[in-house]
Amino acid sequence: MEDTDLQALMARLEKLITRVEQLKSQNALLVAQEKTWREERAHLIEKNEIARRKVESMISRLKALEQDS
């Protein structure tokens, strides 16, 4: 292998190593964002369930009041 070929190959390897490091960093960021979004989703589902139970309770009370009248 000629010296210029070897230098070209080494340059390509350096670029590839840099790209791999960038992708690792990007992947770590995406994993962290996914975790945050999953936690937020779980929190919103919980809030929605609480609101649903409150509405059902109000409806039950209104029906009970309506029957008493």
C-alpha atoms as a PDB file:
ATOM      1  CA  MET A   1       0.000   0.000   0.000  1.00  0.00           C
ATOM      2  CA  GLU A   2       1.381   3.381  -0.901  1.00  0.00           C
ATOM      3  CA  ASP A   3       1.873   6.085   1.688  1.00  0.00           C
ATOM      4  CA  THR A   4      -0.830   8.286   0.127  1.00  0.00           C
ATOM      5  CA  ASP A   5      -3.305   5.385   0.169  1.00  0.00           C
ATOM      6  CA  LEU A   6      -2.527   4.748   3.819  1.00  0.00           C
ATOM      7  CA  GLN A   7      -2.986   8.418   4.681  1.00  0.00           C
ATOM      8  CA  ALA A   8      -6.282   8.512   2.821  1.00  0.00           C
ATOM      9  CA  LEU A   9      -7.461   5.400   4.657  1.00  0.00           C
ATOM     10  CA  MET A  10      -6.422   6.865   8.007  1.00  0.00           C
ATOM     11  CA  ALA A  11      -8.251  10.095   7.213  1.00  0.00           C
ATOM     12  CA  ARG A  12     -11.404   8.140   6.380  1.00  0.00           C
ATOM     13  CA  LEU A  13     -11.061   6.139   9.591  1.00  0.00           C
ATOM     14  CA  GLU A  14     -10.738   9.343  11.620  1.00  0.00           C
ATOM     15  CA  LYS A  15     -13.892  10.710   9.986  1.00  0.00           C
ATOM     16  CA  LEU A  16     -15.675   7.446  10.689  1.00  0.00           C
ATOM     17  CA  ILE A  17     -14.575   7.447  14.329  1.00  0.00           C
ATOM     18  CA  THR A  18     -15.763  11.042  14.692  1.00  0.00           C
ATOM     19  CA  ARG A  19     -19.120  10.154  13.158  1.00  0.00           C
ATOM     20  CA  VAL A  20     -19.522   7.152  15.449  1.00  0.00           C
ATOM     21  CA  GLU A  21     -18.866   9.366  18.477  1.00  0.00           C
ATOM     22  CA  GLN A  22     -21.422  11.897  17.217  1.00  0.00           C
ATOM     23  CA  LEU A  23     -23.991   9.143  16.748  1.00  0.00           C
ATOM     24  CA  LYS A  24     -23.310   7.761  20.231  1.00  0.00           C
ATOM     25  CA  SER A  25     -23.839  11.199  21.709  1.00  0.00           C
ATOM     26  CA  GLN A  26     -26.993  11.761  19.673  1.00  0.00           C
ATOM     27  CA  ASN A  27     -28.325   8.348  20.682  1.00  0.00           C
ATOM     28  CA  ALA A  28     -27.719   9.068  24.364  1.00  0.00           C
ATOM     29  CA  LEU A  29     -29.609  12.339  24.018  1.00  0.00           C
ATOM     30  CA  LEU A  30     -32.513  10.617  22.257  1.00  0.00           C
ATOM     31  CA  VAL A  31     -32.678   7.926  24.947  1.00  0.00           C
ATOM     32  CA  ALA A  32     -32.815  10.619  27.641  1.00  0.00           C
ATOM     33  CA  GLN A  33     -35.544  12.497  25.763  1.00  0.00           C
ATOM     34  CA  GLU A  34     -37.550   9.297  25.348  1.00  0.00           C
ATOM     35  CA  LYS A  35     -37.315   8.652  29.093  1.00  0.00           C
ATOM     36  CA  THR A  36     -38.541  12.185  29.806  1.00  0.00           C
ATOM     37  CA  TRP A  37     -41.414  11.835  27.344  1.00  0.00           C
ATOM     38  CA  ARG A  38     -42.426   8.476  28.799  1.00  0.00           C
ATOM     39  CA  GLU A  39     -42.462   9.946  32.313  1.00  0.00           C
ATOM     40  CA  GLU A  40     -44.497  12.922  31.120  1.00  0.00           C
ATOM     41  CA  ARG A  41     -46.915  10.599  29.325  1.00  0.00           C
ATOM     42  CA  ALA A  42     -47.373   8.490  32.474  1.00  0.00           C
ATOM     43  CA  HIS A  43     -48.015  11.659  34.487  1.00  0.00           C
ATOM     44  CA  LEU A  44     -50.597  12.885  31.978  1.00  0.00           C
ATOM     45  CA  ILE A  45     -52.327   9.505  31.940  1.00  0.00           C
ATOM     46  CA  GLU A  46     -52.499   9.624  35.729  1.00  0.00           C
ATOM     47  CA  LYS A  47     -53.931  13.164  35.694  1.00  0.00           C
ATOM     48  CA  ASN A  48     -56.460  12.102  33.070  1.00  0.00           C
ATOM     49  CA  GLU A  49     -57.531   9.146  35.200  1.00  0.00           C
ATOM     50  CA  ILE A  50     -57.987  11.406  38.246  1.00  0.00           C
ATOM     51  CA  ALA A  51     -60.068  13.846  36.202  1.00  0.00           C
ATOM     52  CA  ARG A  52     -62.171  10.984  34.795  1.00  0.00           C
ATOM     53  CA  ARG A  53     -62.903   9.675  38.297  1.00  0.00           C
ATOM     54  CA  LYS A  54     -63.871  13.165  39.496  1.00  0.00           C
ATOM     55  CA  VAL A  55     -66.263  13.637  36.567  1.00  0.00           C
ATOM     56  CA  GLU A  56     -67.805  10.209  37.157  1.00  0.00           C
ATOM     57  CA  SER A  57     -68.225  11.067  40.834  1.00  0.00           C
ATOM     58  CA  MET A  58     -69.930  14.373  39.973  1.00  0.00           C
ATOM     59  CA  ILE A  59     -72.246  12.615  37.545  1.00  0.00           C
ATOM     60  CA  SER A  60     -73.164  10.066  40.208  1.00  0.00           C
ATOM     61  CA  ARG A  61     -73.893  12.822  42.721  1.00  0.00           C
ATOM     62  CA  LEU A  62     -76.006  14.708  40.205  1.00  0.00           C
ATOM     63  CA  LYS A  63     -77.977  11.569  39.418  1.00  0.00           C
ATOM     64  CA  ALA A  64     -78.494  10.967  43.136  1.00  0.00           C
ATOM     65  CA  LEU A  65     -79.722  14.554  43.583  1.00  0.00           C
ATOM     66  CA  GLU A  66     -82.023  14.177  40.617  1.00  0.00           C
ATOM     67  CA  GLN A  67     -83.551  11.003  42.094  1.00  0.00           C
ATOM     68  CA  ASP A  68     -84.070  12.678  45.463  1.00  0.00           C
ATOM     69  CA  SER A  69     -86.048  15.504  43.872  1.00  0.00           C
END
